[in-house]
C-alpha atoms as a PDB file:
ATOM      1  CA  MET A   1      89.333 140.442  23.671  1.00  0.00           C
ATOM      2  CA  ALA A   2      89.784 139.692  27.369  1.00  0.00           C
ATOM      3  CA  SER A   3      91.147 143.208  27.939  1.00  0.00           C
ATOM      4  CA  GLU A   4      87.708 144.620  27.150  1.00  0.00           C
ATOM      5  CA  LEU A   5      86.505 143.185  30.467  1.00  0.00           C
ATOM      6  CA  ALA A   6      89.537 144.188  32.520  1.00  0.00           C
ATOM      7  CA  ASN A   7      87.502 146.722  34.495  1.00  0.00           C
ATOM      8  CA  HIS A   8      84.513 144.464  35.030  1.00  0.00           C
ATOM      9  CA  LYS A   9      85.669 141.930  37.572  1.00  0.00           C
ATOM     10  CA  ALA A  10      83.112 141.034  40.241  1.00  0.00           C
ATOM     11  CA  THR A  11      82.508 143.805  42.799  1.00  0.00           C
ATOM     12  CA  PRO A  12      79.944 144.225  45.605  1.00  0.00           C
ATOM     13  CA  GLU A  13      77.747 146.065  43.096  1.00  0.00           C
ATOM     14  CA  ASN A  14      77.670 143.246  40.523  1.00  0.00           C
ATOM     15  CA  ASP A  15      78.353 140.230  42.731  1.00  0.00           C
ATOM     16  CA  LEU A  16      76.187 137.439  41.333  1.00  0.00           C
ATOM     17  CA  ALA A  17      75.512 135.750  44.634  1.00  0.00           C
ATOM     18  CA  SER A  18      73.944 138.988  45.834  1.00  0.00           C
ATOM     19  CA  VAL A  19      71.910 139.946  42.767  1.00  0.00           C
ATOM     20  CA  LEU A  20      70.669 136.377  42.214  1.00  0.00           C
ATOM     21  CA  SER A  21      69.874 135.971  45.930  1.00  0.00           C
ATOM     22  CA  VAL A  22      72.095 132.920  46.283  1.00  0.00           C
ATOM     23  CA  GLU A  23      72.529 131.743  49.875  1.00  0.00           C
ATOM     24  CA  SER A  24      75.633 133.046  51.621  1.00  0.00           C
ATOM     25  CA  GLY A  25      78.630 130.796  51.066  1.00  0.00           C
ATOM     26  CA  ASN A  26      77.190 129.094  47.988  1.00  0.00           C
ATOM     27  CA  THR A  27      78.793 129.400  44.553  1.00  0.00           C
ATOM     28  CA  VAL A  28      76.665 130.786  41.733  1.00  0.00           C
ATOM     29  CA  ARG A  29      75.952 128.207  39.030  1.00  0.00           C
ATOM     30  CA  VAL A  30      75.084 129.091  35.438  1.00  0.00           C
ATOM     31  CA  ILE A  31      74.133 126.596  32.726  1.00  0.00           C
ATOM     32  CA  ILE A  32      74.887 127.314  29.059  1.00  0.00           C
ATOM     33  CA  CYS A  33      72.910 125.223  26.600  1.00  0.00           C
ATOM     34  CA  SER A  34      75.216 124.261  23.705  1.00  0.00           C
ATOM     35  CA  LEU A  35      78.865 125.149  23.202  1.00  0.00           C
ATOM     36  CA  GLY A  36      78.758 126.465  19.671  1.00  0.00           C
ATOM     37  CA  SER A  37      80.552 129.737  18.962  1.00  0.00           C
ATOM     38  CA  ILE A  38      77.996 131.867  20.820  1.00  0.00           C
ATOM     39  CA  GLY A  39      77.795 129.475  23.775  1.00  0.00           C
ATOM     40  CA  ARG A  40      81.575 129.529  24.142  1.00  0.00           C
ATOM     41  CA  LYS A  41      81.514 133.308  24.037  1.00  0.00           C
ATOM     42  CA  TYR A  42      79.012 133.453  26.887  1.00  0.00           C
ATOM     43  CA  ALA A  43      81.098 130.980  28.897  1.00  0.00           C
ATOM     44  CA  ARG A  44      84.265 133.006  28.402  1.00  0.00           C
ATOM     45  CA  ILE A  45      82.705 136.336  29.281  1.00  0.00           C
ATOM     46  CA  ILE A  46      81.031 134.959  32.410  1.00  0.00           C
ATOM     47  CA  LYS A  47      84.320 133.468  33.608  1.00  0.00           C
ATOM     48  CA  GLU A  48      86.308 136.616  32.834  1.00  0.00           C
ATOM     49  CA  ALA A  49      83.876 139.035  34.467  1.00  0.00           C
ATOM     50  CA  TRP A  50      82.607 136.788  37.283  1.00  0.00           C
ATOM     51  CA  PRO A  51      85.483 134.306  37.816  1.00  0.00           C
ATOM     52  CA  GLU A  52      84.005 132.695  40.942  1.00  0.00           C
ATOM     53  CA  THR A  53      80.937 131.523  38.989  1.00  0.00           C
ATOM     54  CA  GLU A  54      80.646 127.828  38.162  1.00  0.00           C
ATOM     55  CA  VAL A  55      79.748 127.352  34.506  1.00  0.00           C
ATOM     56  CA  GLY A  56      78.012 124.176  33.429  1.00  0.00           C
ATOM     57  CA  ALA A  57      77.476 123.225  29.789  1.00  0.00           C
ATOM     58  CA  LEU A  58      74.582 121.237  28.380  1.00  0.00           C
ATOM     59  CA  ARG A  59      76.009 119.669  25.263  1.00  0.00           C
ATOM     60  CA  SER A  60      75.749 116.696  22.964  1.00  0.00           C
ATOM     61  CA  GLY A  61      77.413 113.547  24.235  1.00  0.00           C
ATOM     62  CA  LEU A  62      79.019 113.268  20.797  1.00  0.00           C
ATOM     63  CA  SER A  63      81.073 116.420  21.270  1.00  0.00           C
ATOM     64  CA  LYS A  64      84.609 115.878  22.544  1.00  0.00           C
ATOM     65  CA  ASP A  65      85.811 119.483  22.251  1.00  0.00           C
ATOM     66  CA  SER A  66      86.930 120.929  25.564  1.00  0.00           C
ATOM     67  CA  CYS A  67      86.326 124.472  26.783  1.00  0.00           C
ATOM     68  CA  LYS A  68      88.530 125.867  29.539  1.00  0.00           C
ATOM     69  CA  TYR A  69      85.750 128.174  30.720  1.00  0.00           C
ATOM     70  CA  VAL A  70      83.405 125.282  31.581  1.00  0.00           C
ATOM     71  CA  ASP A  71      83.524 123.531  34.972  1.00  0.00           C
ATOM     72  CA  ARG A  72      80.938 120.808  34.377  1.00  0.00           C
ATOM     73  CA  SER A  73      79.328 119.178  31.350  1.00  0.00           C
ATOM     74  CA  PHE A  74      75.902 117.556  31.093  1.00  0.00           C
ATOM     75  CA  THR A  75      74.350 115.543  28.289  1.00  0.00           C
ATOM     76  CA  THR A  76      70.676 115.851  29.321  1.00  0.00           C
ATOM     77  CA  GLU A  77      68.465 118.691  30.516  1.00  0.00           C
ATOM     78  CA  GLU A  78      67.500 116.595  33.549  1.00  0.00           C
ATOM     79  CA  GLU A  79      71.149 116.345  34.665  1.00  0.00           C
ATOM     80  CA  ALA A  80      71.621 120.078  34.194  1.00  0.00           C
ATOM     81  CA  ILE A  81      68.506 120.906  36.230  1.00  0.00           C
ATOM     82  CA  GLN A  82      69.544 118.526  39.033  1.00  0.00           C
ATOM     83  CA  TRP A  83      72.757 120.550  39.334  1.00  0.00           C
ATOM     84  CA  ASN A  84      70.488 123.349  40.693  1.00  0.00           C
ATOM     85  CA  PRO A  85      71.685 126.217  38.464  1.00  0.00           C
ATOM     86  CA  ASP A  86      70.878 129.797  39.447  1.00  0.00           C
ATOM     87  CA  ALA A  87      70.458 130.912  35.815  1.00  0.00           C
ATOM     88  CA  VAL A  88      70.560 129.489  32.300  1.00  0.00           C
ATOM     89  CA  VAL A  89      71.673 130.855  28.925  1.00  0.00           C
ATOM     90  CA  ILE A  90      70.046 129.005  26.017  1.00  0.00           C
ATOM     91  CA  ALA A  91      72.455 129.204  23.074  1.00  0.00           C
ATOM     92  CA  SER A  92      71.351 126.026  21.297  1.00  0.00           C
ATOM     93  CA  PRO A  93      69.869 125.892  17.759  1.00  0.00           C
ATOM     94  CA  ALA A  94      66.610 127.861  17.480  1.00  0.00           C
ATOM     95  CA  ASN A  95      64.489 124.746  17.115  1.00  0.00           C
ATOM     96  CA  GLN A  96      65.430 123.795  20.699  1.00  0.00           C
ATOM     97  CA  HIS A  97      64.792 127.163  22.360  1.00  0.00           C
ATOM     98  CA  LEU A  98      61.166 126.873  23.402  1.00  0.00           C
ATOM     99  CA  ARG A  99      61.427 123.288  24.631  1.00  0.00           C
ATOM    100  CA  GLN A 100      64.474 124.059  26.761  1.00  0.00           C
ATOM    101  CA  ALA A 101      62.997 127.321  28.045  1.00  0.00           C
ATOM    102  CA  LEU A 102      59.897 125.472  29.233  1.00  0.00           C
ATOM    103  CA  LEU A 103      62.005 122.847  31.024  1.00  0.00           C
ATOM    104  CA  PHE A 104      64.164 125.360  32.919  1.00  0.00           C
ATOM    105  CA  THR A 105      61.436 127.882  33.733  1.00  0.00           C
ATOM    106  CA  GLU A 106      59.287 125.082  35.147  1.00  0.00           C
ATOM    107  CA  LYS A 107      61.862 125.141  37.969  1.00  0.00           C
ATOM    108  CA  ASN A 108      61.722 128.982  38.121  1.00  0.00           C
ATOM    109  CA  ILE A 109      65.285 129.316  36.800  1.00  0.00           C
ATOM    110  CA  PRO A 110      65.963 132.770  35.244  1.00  0.00           C
ATOM    111  CA  THR A 111      66.440 132.204  31.514  1.00  0.00           C
ATOM    112  CA  LEU A 112      68.232 134.193  28.803  1.00  0.00           C
ATOM    113  CA  ILE A 113      67.429 132.886  25.309  1.00  0.00           C
ATOM    114  CA  GLU A 114      69.837 133.709  22.515  1.00  0.00           C
ATOM    115  CA  LYS A 115      68.113 135.138  19.446  1.00  0.00           C
ATOM    116  CA  PRO A 116      65.996 134.186  17.616  1.00  0.00           C
ATOM    117  CA  ILE A 117      63.507 133.038  20.219  1.00  0.00           C
ATOM    118  CA  GLY A 118      62.301 130.210  17.961  1.00  0.00           C
ATOM    119  CA  THR A 119      61.759 129.110  14.375  1.00  0.00           C
ATOM    120  CA  GLY A 120      58.089 130.069  13.966  1.00  0.00           C
ATOM    121  CA  GLY A 121      56.871 126.484  13.867  1.00  0.00           C
ATOM    122  CA  GLU A 122      56.167 126.200  17.588  1.00  0.00           C
ATOM    123  CA  ARG A 123      52.732 125.680  19.147  1.00  0.00           C
ATOM    124  CA  ALA A 124      50.893 128.826  20.243  1.00  0.00           C
ATOM    125  CA  ASP A 125      49.783 127.287  23.552  1.00  0.00           C
ATOM    126  CA  GLU A 126      53.426 126.644  24.521  1.00  0.00           C
ATOM    127  CA  TRP A 127      54.332 130.282  23.877  1.00  0.00           C
ATOM    128  CA  LYS A 128      51.357 131.283  26.056  1.00  0.00           C
ATOM    129  CA  GLU A 129      52.623 129.029  28.831  1.00  0.00           C
ATOM    130  CA  LEU A 130      56.102 130.575  28.640  1.00  0.00           C
ATOM    131  CA  ALA A 131      54.568 134.071  28.680  1.00  0.00           C
ATOM    132  CA  LYS A 132      52.598 133.128  31.789  1.00  0.00           C
ATOM    133  CA  ARG A 133      55.770 131.987  33.529  1.00  0.00           C
ATOM    134  CA  SER A 134      57.584 135.208  32.585  1.00  0.00           C
ATOM    135  CA  LYS A 135      55.347 137.056  35.059  1.00  0.00           C
ATOM    136  CA  LYS A 136      57.312 135.539  37.954  1.00  0.00           C
ATOM    137  CA  THR A 137      60.511 134.153  36.369  1.00  0.00           C
ATOM    138  CA  PRO A 138      62.890 136.434  34.423  1.00  0.00           C
ATOM    139  CA  ILE A 139      62.831 135.366  30.755  1.00  0.00           C
ATOM    140  CA  TYR A 140      64.609 137.563  28.208  1.00  0.00           C
ATOM    141  CA  VAL A 141      66.002 137.270  24.680  1.00  0.00           C
ATOM    142  CA  GLY A 142      69.551 138.115  23.593  1.00  0.00           C
ATOM    143  CA  TYR A 143      69.174 140.794  20.943  1.00  0.00           C
ATOM    144  CA  ILE A 144      72.615 142.171  21.642  1.00  0.00           C
ATOM    145  CA  LEU A 145      72.448 145.306  19.460  1.00  0.00           C
ATOM    146  CA  ARG A 146      70.215 146.878  22.113  1.00  0.00           C
ATOM    147  CA  GLN A 147      73.349 147.078  24.268  1.00  0.00           C
ATOM    148  CA  ASP A 148      75.349 148.992  21.648  1.00  0.00           C
ATOM    149  CA  PRO A 149      75.723 152.697  22.525  1.00  0.00           C
ATOM    150  CA  GLY A 150      74.706 153.491  18.939  1.00  0.00           C
ATOM    151  CA  ALA A 151      71.210 152.189  19.618  1.00  0.00           C
ATOM    152  CA  SER A 152      70.559 154.572  22.513  1.00  0.00           C
ATOM    153  CA  ILE A 153      72.153 157.527  20.672  1.00  0.00           C
ATOM    154  CA  THR A 154      70.015 156.893  17.591  1.00  0.00           C
ATOM    155  CA  LYS A 155      66.867 156.358  19.650  1.00  0.00           C
ATOM    156  CA  ASP A 156      67.424 159.656  21.485  1.00  0.00           C
ATOM    157  CA  LEU A 157      67.937 161.527  18.197  1.00  0.00           C
ATOM    158  CA  ILE A 158      64.659 160.108  16.868  1.00  0.00           C
ATOM    159  CA  ARG A 159      62.733 160.865  20.053  1.00  0.00           C
ATOM    160  CA  GLU A 160      64.034 164.443  20.165  1.00  0.00           C
ATOM    161  CA  LYS A 161      63.140 164.902  16.459  1.00  0.00           C
ATOM    162  CA  ARG A 162      66.633 166.222  15.779  1.00  0.00           C
ATOM    163  CA  VAL A 163      66.137 165.623  12.050  1.00  0.00           C
ATOM    164  CA  GLY A 164      62.426 166.373  12.019  1.00  0.00           C
ATOM    165  CA  GLN A 165      59.745 163.865  11.056  1.00  0.00           C
ATOM    166  CA  LEU A 166      61.213 160.603   9.798  1.00  0.00           C
ATOM    167  CA  VAL A 167      60.501 159.985   6.127  1.00  0.00           C
ATOM    168  CA  SER A 168      62.411 156.756   5.506  1.00  0.00           C
ATOM    169  CA  ALA A 169      64.487 154.242   7.436  1.00  0.00           C
ATOM    170  CA  ARG A 170      66.791 151.570   6.018  1.00  0.00           C
ATOM    171  CA  PHE A 171      68.322 148.735   8.033  1.00  0.00           C
ATOM    172  CA  TYR A 172      71.020 146.780   6.201  1.00  0.00           C
ATOM    173  CA  CYS A 173      73.285 143.904   7.184  1.00  0.00           C
ATOM    174  CA  GLY A 174      75.391 142.105   4.599  1.00  0.00           C
ATOM    175  CA  SER A 175      78.083 139.550   5.443  1.00  0.00           C
ATOM    176  CA  TRP A 176      79.757 136.351   4.207  1.00  0.00           C
ATOM    177  CA  LEU A 177      78.604 133.185   6.000  1.00  0.00           C
ATOM    178  CA  PRO A 178      81.893 131.237   5.565  1.00  0.00           C
ATOM    179  CA  ASN A 179      83.616 133.968   7.601  1.00  0.00           C
ATOM    180  CA  TRP A 180      81.252 133.689  10.565  1.00  0.00           C
ATOM    181  CA  ARG A 181      82.853 130.548  11.966  1.00  0.00           C
ATOM    182  CA  PRO A 182      86.218 130.176  10.171  1.00  0.00           C
ATOM    183  CA  ASP A 183      87.106 126.950  12.001  1.00  0.00           C
ATOM    184  CA  THR A 184      83.982 125.060  10.898  1.00  0.00           C
ATOM    185  CA  ASP A 185      82.405 124.031   7.597  1.00  0.00           C
ATOM    186  CA  TYR A 186      79.682 126.621   6.982  1.00  0.00           C
ATOM    187  CA  ARG A 187      77.665 124.046   5.017  1.00  0.00           C
ATOM    188  CA  LYS A 188      77.143 122.060   8.230  1.00  0.00           C
ATOM    189  CA  SER A 189      76.305 125.059  10.413  1.00  0.00           C
ATOM    190  CA  VAL A 190      72.927 125.987  11.875  1.00  0.00           C
ATOM    191  CA  SER A 191      72.741 128.857   9.395  1.00  0.00           C
ATOM    192  CA  ALA A 192      72.824 126.472   6.438  1.00  0.00           C
ATOM    193  CA  ARG A 193      70.176 124.058   7.741  1.00  0.00           C
ATOM    194  CA  LYS A 194      66.433 124.618   7.646  1.00  0.00           C
ATOM    195  CA  ASP A 195      65.719 121.948  10.278  1.00  0.00           C
ATOM    196  CA  LEU A 196      67.788 123.791  12.899  1.00  0.00           C
ATOM    197  CA  GLY A 197      66.272 127.217  12.227  1.00  0.00           C
ATOM    198  CA  GLY A 198      68.770 128.668   9.762  1.00  0.00           C
ATOM    199  CA  GLY A 199      68.142 131.229   7.045  1.00  0.00           C
ATOM    200  CA  ALA A 200      68.766 134.955   6.725  1.00  0.00           C
ATOM    201  CA  ALA A 201      65.520 136.079   8.361  1.00  0.00           C
ATOM    202  CA  LEU A 202      66.132 134.118  11.565  1.00  0.00           C
ATOM    203  CA  GLU A 203      69.925 134.334  11.725  1.00  0.00           C
ATOM    204  CA  LEU A 204      70.033 138.101  11.040  1.00  0.00           C
ATOM    205  CA  SER A 205      66.872 139.049  12.917  1.00  0.00           C
ATOM    206  CA  HIS A 206      68.848 141.637  14.908  1.00  0.00           C
ATOM    207  CA  GLU A 207      67.922 144.158  12.211  1.00  0.00           C
ATOM    208  CA  ILE A 208      64.205 143.369  12.557  1.00  0.00           C
ATOM    209  CA  ASP A 209      64.410 143.767  16.327  1.00  0.00           C
ATOM    210  CA  MET A 210      66.302 147.034  15.964  1.00  0.00           C
ATOM    211  CA  ALA A 211      63.677 148.418  13.580  1.00  0.00           C
ATOM    212  CA  LEU A 212      60.977 147.650  16.160  1.00  0.00           C
ATOM    213  CA  TYR A 213      63.141 149.023  18.995  1.00  0.00           C
ATOM    214  CA  LEU A 214      63.806 152.338  17.244  1.00  0.00           C
ATOM    215  CA  LEU A 215      60.510 152.870  15.401  1.00  0.00           C
ATOM    216  CA  GLY A 216      57.826 150.848  17.183  1.00  0.00           C
ATOM    217  CA  ASP A 217      55.367 148.459  15.569  1.00  0.00           C
ATOM    218  CA  LEU A 218      55.603 147.995  11.806  1.00  0.00           C
ATOM    219  CA  ASP A 219      52.995 147.326   9.151  1.00  0.00           C
ATOM    220  CA  ILE A 220      54.715 144.996   6.676  1.00  0.00           C
ATOM    221  CA  ASN A 221      53.563 145.517   3.076  1.00  0.00           C
ATOM    222  CA  TYR A 222      56.027 143.309   1.191  1.00  0.00           C
ATOM    223  CA  SER A 223      58.684 140.728   1.966  1.00  0.00           C
ATOM    224  CA  GLU A 224      60.754 138.258   0.010  1.00  0.00           C
ATOM    225  CA  CYS A 225      63.468 135.710   0.795  1.00  0.00           C
ATOM    226  CA  TRP A 226      65.561 133.922  -1.784  1.00  0.00           C
ATOM    227  CA  HIS A 227      68.662 131.818  -2.370  1.00  0.00           C
ATOM    228  CA  SER A 228      71.387 133.707  -4.247  1.00  0.00           C
ATOM    229  CA  LYS A 229      73.186 130.472  -5.249  1.00  0.00           C
ATOM    230  CA  ALA A 230      76.421 132.083  -4.045  1.00  0.00           C
ATOM    231  CA  LEU A 231      76.593 129.588  -1.157  1.00  0.00           C
ATOM    232  CA  ASP A 232      76.140 125.844  -0.814  1.00  0.00           C
ATOM    233  CA  VAL A 233      73.270 126.032   1.716  1.00  0.00           C
ATOM    234  CA  GLU A 234      69.666 124.829   1.801  1.00  0.00           C
ATOM    235  CA  THR A 235      68.387 128.036   3.403  1.00  0.00           C
ATOM    236  CA  GLU A 236      67.595 131.426   1.912  1.00  0.00           C
ATOM    237  CA  ASP A 237      70.610 133.738   2.183  1.00  0.00           C
ATOM    238  CA  GLN A 238      68.900 137.043   1.282  1.00  0.00           C
ATOM    239  CA  CYS A 239      65.819 138.721   2.683  1.00  0.00           C
ATOM    240  CA  LEU A 240      64.015 141.991   1.972  1.00  0.00           C
ATOM    241  CA  VAL A 241      61.216 143.517   4.049  1.00  0.00           C
ATOM    242  CA  VAL A 242      59.288 146.695   3.194  1.00  0.00           C
ATOM    243  CA  GLY A 243      56.736 148.364   5.436  1.00  0.00           C
ATOM    244  CA  ARG A 244      55.802 151.506   7.356  1.00  0.00           C
ATOM    245  CA  ASP A 245      55.805 152.514  10.995  1.00  0.00           C
ATOM    246  CA  CYS A 246      52.799 154.009  12.803  1.00  0.00           C
ATOM    247  CA  ASN A 247      53.765 157.515  11.598  1.00  0.00           C
ATOM    248  CA  GLY A 248      53.956 156.516   7.932  1.00  0.00           C
ATOM    249  CA  CYS A 249      57.756 156.340   7.710  1.00  0.00           C
ATOM    250  CA  LEU A 250      58.863 154.024   4.886  1.00  0.00           C
ATOM    251  CA  VAL A 251      60.931 151.182   6.371  1.00  0.00           C
ATOM    252  CA  THR A 252      63.140 148.745   4.455  1.00  0.00           C
ATOM    253  CA  ILE A 253      65.098 145.902   6.052  1.00  0.00           C
ATOM    254  CA  GLU A 254      67.632 144.116   3.858  1.00  0.00           C
ATOM    255  CA  ILE A 255      69.692 141.276   5.306  1.00  0.00           C
ATOM    256  CA  ASP A 256      71.957 138.662   3.741  1.00  0.00           C
ATOM    257  CA  TYR A 257      74.972 136.476   4.396  1.00  0.00           C
ATOM    258  CA  CYS A 258      76.168 136.182   0.806  1.00  0.00           C
ATOM    259  CA  THR A 259      78.101 139.499   0.669  1.00  0.00           C
ATOM    260  CA  LYS A 260      81.895 139.163   0.909  1.00  0.00           C
ATOM    261  CA  LYS A 261      82.593 142.739   1.976  1.00  0.00           C
ATOM    262  CA  PRO A 262      80.586 143.248   5.187  1.00  0.00           C
ATOM    263  CA  GLU A 263      78.334 146.266   5.631  1.00  0.00           C
ATOM    264  CA  ARG A 264      75.959 147.032   8.480  1.00  0.00           C
ATOM    265  CA  TYR A 265      74.141 150.289   9.022  1.00  0.00           C
ATOM    266  CA  VAL A 266      70.940 152.099   9.928  1.00  0.00           C
ATOM    267  CA  SER A 267      70.153 155.029   7.619  1.00  0.00           C
ATOM    268  CA  LEU A 268      67.345 157.401   8.647  1.00  0.00           C
ATOM    269  CA  ARG A 269      66.142 160.336   6.570  1.00  0.00           C
ATOM    270  CA  GLY A 270      64.012 163.031   8.146  1.00  0.00           C
ATOM    271  CA  SER A 271      62.269 166.191   7.009  1.00  0.00           C
ATOM    272  CA  LYS A 272      65.176 168.257   8.392  1.00  0.00           C
ATOM    273  CA  GLY A 273      68.206 166.027   8.006  1.00  0.00           C
ATOM    274  CA  SER A 274      69.532 162.497   8.381  1.00  0.00           C
ATOM    275  CA  ILE A 275      71.026 159.997  10.837  1.00  0.00           C
ATOM    276  CA  TYR A 276      73.545 157.336   9.814  1.00  0.00           C
ATOM    277  CA  TRP A 277      74.631 154.654  12.263  1.00  0.00           C
ATOM    278  CA  ASP A 278      77.552 152.624  10.914  1.00  0.00           C
ATOM    279  CA  LEU A 279      77.747 149.491  13.046  1.00  0.00           C
ATOM    280  CA  ILE A 280      81.052 148.325  11.572  1.00  0.00           C
ATOM    281  CA  GLN A 281      82.884 151.647  11.963  1.00  0.00           C
ATOM    282  CA  GLY A 282      81.157 152.320  15.277  1.00  0.00           C
ATOM    283  CA  THR A 283      79.887 155.826  14.499  1.00  0.00           C
ATOM    284  CA  VAL A 284      76.576 157.693  14.528  1.00  0.00           C
ATOM    285  CA  THR A 285      76.458 160.749  12.249  1.00  0.00           C
ATOM    286  CA  GLN A 286      73.675 163.323  12.440  1.00  0.00           C
ATOM    287  CA  THR A 287      73.276 165.884   9.669  1.00  0.00           C
ATOM    288  CA  ALA A 288      70.638 168.603  10.093  1.00  0.00           C
ATOM    289  CA  GLU A 289      69.649 171.665   8.075  1.00  0.00           C
ATOM    290  CA  GLY A 290      71.857 174.660   8.773  1.00  0.00           C
ATOM    291  CA  GLU A 291      74.226 172.694  11.013  1.00  0.00           C
ATOM    292  CA  GLU A 292      77.528 170.926  10.591  1.00  0.00           C
ATOM    293  CA  SER A 293      77.461 167.133  10.768  1.00  0.00           C
ATOM    294  CA  ASP A 294      77.798 165.807  14.303  1.00  0.00           C
ATOM    295  CA  GLU A 295      79.565 162.451  14.597  1.00  0.00           C
ATOM    296  CA  SER A 296      79.590 160.274  17.720  1.00  0.00           C
ATOM    297  CA  VAL A 297      82.421 157.724  17.753  1.00  0.00           C
ATOM    298  CA  ILE A 298      81.412 154.729  19.841  1.00  0.00           C
ATOM    299  CA  GLY A 299      83.844 152.056  18.697  1.00  0.00           C
ATOM    300  CA  LEU A 300      83.227 148.329  18.496  1.00  0.00           C
ATOM    301  CA  LYS A 301      83.320 146.452  21.784  1.00  0.00           C
ATOM    302  CA  SER A 302      81.510 143.171  21.299  1.00  0.00           C
ATOM    303  CA  ASP A 303      82.445 141.807  24.742  1.00  0.00           C
ATOM    304  CA  GLU A 304      81.161 144.972  26.383  1.00  0.00           C
ATOM    305  CA  ARG A 305      77.745 144.456  24.783  1.00  0.00           C
ATOM    306  CA  PHE A 306      77.549 140.906  26.105  1.00  0.00           C
ATOM    307  CA  TYR A 307      78.781 141.977  29.546  1.00  0.00           C
ATOM    308  CA  LYS A 308      76.105 144.662  29.732  1.00  0.00           C
ATOM    309  CA  GLN A 309      73.403 142.232  28.599  1.00  0.00           C
ATOM    310  CA  LEU A 310      74.439 139.658  31.207  1.00  0.00           C
ATOM    311  CA  SER A 311      74.594 142.307  33.948  1.00  0.00           C
ATOM    312  CA  LEU A 312      71.050 143.433  33.116  1.00  0.00           C
ATOM    313  CA  PHE A 313      69.917 139.814  33.060  1.00  0.00           C
ATOM    314  CA  TRP A 314      71.443 139.003  36.461  1.00  0.00           C
ATOM    315  CA  ASN A 315      69.638 142.020  37.931  1.00  0.00           C
ATOM    316  CA  ALA A 316      66.338 141.442  36.102  1.00  0.00           C
ATOM    317  CA  SER A 317      64.451 140.024  39.096  1.00  0.00           C
ATOM    318  CA  LYS A 318      65.232 143.175  41.103  1.00  0.00           C
ATOM    319  CA  GLN A 319      65.299 145.844  38.401  1.00  0.00           C
ATOM    320  CA  GLY A 320      62.737 144.545  35.896  1.00  0.00           C
ATOM    321  CA  GLY A 321      65.063 143.751  32.995  1.00  0.00           C
ATOM    322  CA  HIS A 322      64.967 147.310  31.625  1.00  0.00           C
ATOM    323  CA  GLY A 323      67.102 147.469  28.456  1.00  0.00           C
ATOM    324  CA  LEU A 324      66.648 143.802  27.582  1.00  0.00           C
ATOM    325  CA  CYS A 325      64.418 142.325  24.887  1.00  0.00           C
ATOM    326  CA  THR A 326      61.282 140.949  26.507  1.00  0.00           C
ATOM    327  CA  LEU A 327      59.468 137.782  25.533  1.00  0.00           C
ATOM    328  CA  ASP A 328      56.627 139.799  23.980  1.00  0.00           C
ATOM    329  CA  GLU A 329      59.053 141.901  21.932  1.00  0.00           C
ATOM    330  CA  ALA A 330      60.913 138.824  20.679  1.00  0.00           C
ATOM    331  CA  LEU A 331      57.621 137.206  19.678  1.00  0.00           C
ATOM    332  CA  LYS A 332      56.814 140.295  17.575  1.00  0.00           C
ATOM    333  CA  VAL A 333      60.097 139.751  15.720  1.00  0.00           C
ATOM    334  CA  LEU A 334      59.218 136.085  15.240  1.00  0.00           C
ATOM    335  CA  SER A 335      55.754 137.025  13.942  1.00  0.00           C
ATOM    336  CA  ILE A 336      57.337 139.218  11.263  1.00  0.00           C
ATOM    337  CA  ILE A 337      59.715 136.375  10.339  1.00  0.00           C
ATOM    338  CA  LYS A 338      56.785 133.992  10.004  1.00  0.00           C
ATOM    339  CA  ASP A 339      55.093 136.481   7.642  1.00  0.00           C
ATOM    340  CA  ILE A 340      58.315 136.743   5.646  1.00  0.00           C
ATOM    341  CA  ASN A 341      58.647 132.977   5.336  1.00  0.00           C
ATOM    342  CA  ARG A 342      55.015 132.609   4.289  1.00  0.00           C
ATOM    343  CA  SER A 343      55.675 135.035   1.458  1.00  0.00           C
END
């Protein structure tokens, strides 16, 4: 995995001290909230791509696991803030996201929140306060599929109407929860617990974000979540959403983590052909009337997606965060999830 970032060591163009406007001679400090699997991944990628950066971890005092990519550990938000970090990545359970975002942005610290942005049970006035702060402090949400080359290829094909007017769009992600974190008991994971913000709709909300990213706002007509009984969890492990975009295209989103053989794809059918983005194989195939199929091979480079997302985040204060999921966009995803859960 480290080889994916071999060509991305710090350079004058991506030097964090420069892009984050850190005073000359000072070391850049980044806090990561929680050292679960995703938090550890952020820590590793930051250290591999920007090795001079100091990484601090906000973690439970009960945890004794070490992480070689972390320079300092803190057990309270107050300690972490007093360290004067230049940026923060919130990778804690979803039920902690808003509270921690409010604490760090109160000090004008640029904040990247891992998806989902929340659980849907938060107070509206607190979201309004965070939105107000986002006008002067970079606040973005980590919907990583936006950084996959397949997303931009597919979006361009739609915009150029290469397959005519879209008639239907299907977003599918099926996987097996016990395989997500092989070294831990899946029954004790965030995904399995309602109180921490687990459940298919929240945990696999990448597909909802991607539907909005590619097609725009959706009018949801039907949604349903249920427990397949295939897993020993208290959350729903399957979710189905049906709606239409502003042009009348039929949209279905089906997500689950009770499928042993993983599948993940976006299938678009138009009046003059089709587009099929296979996220596991790393290909986008366009088939149009009177033409041979055109396949783009993009490969799977998970670290590259995270590197690109972090690079855009570091530069957000100067370049506007173009290519990242904004707070408003993430709240639209959360609104759809709330509708799903109410169903």
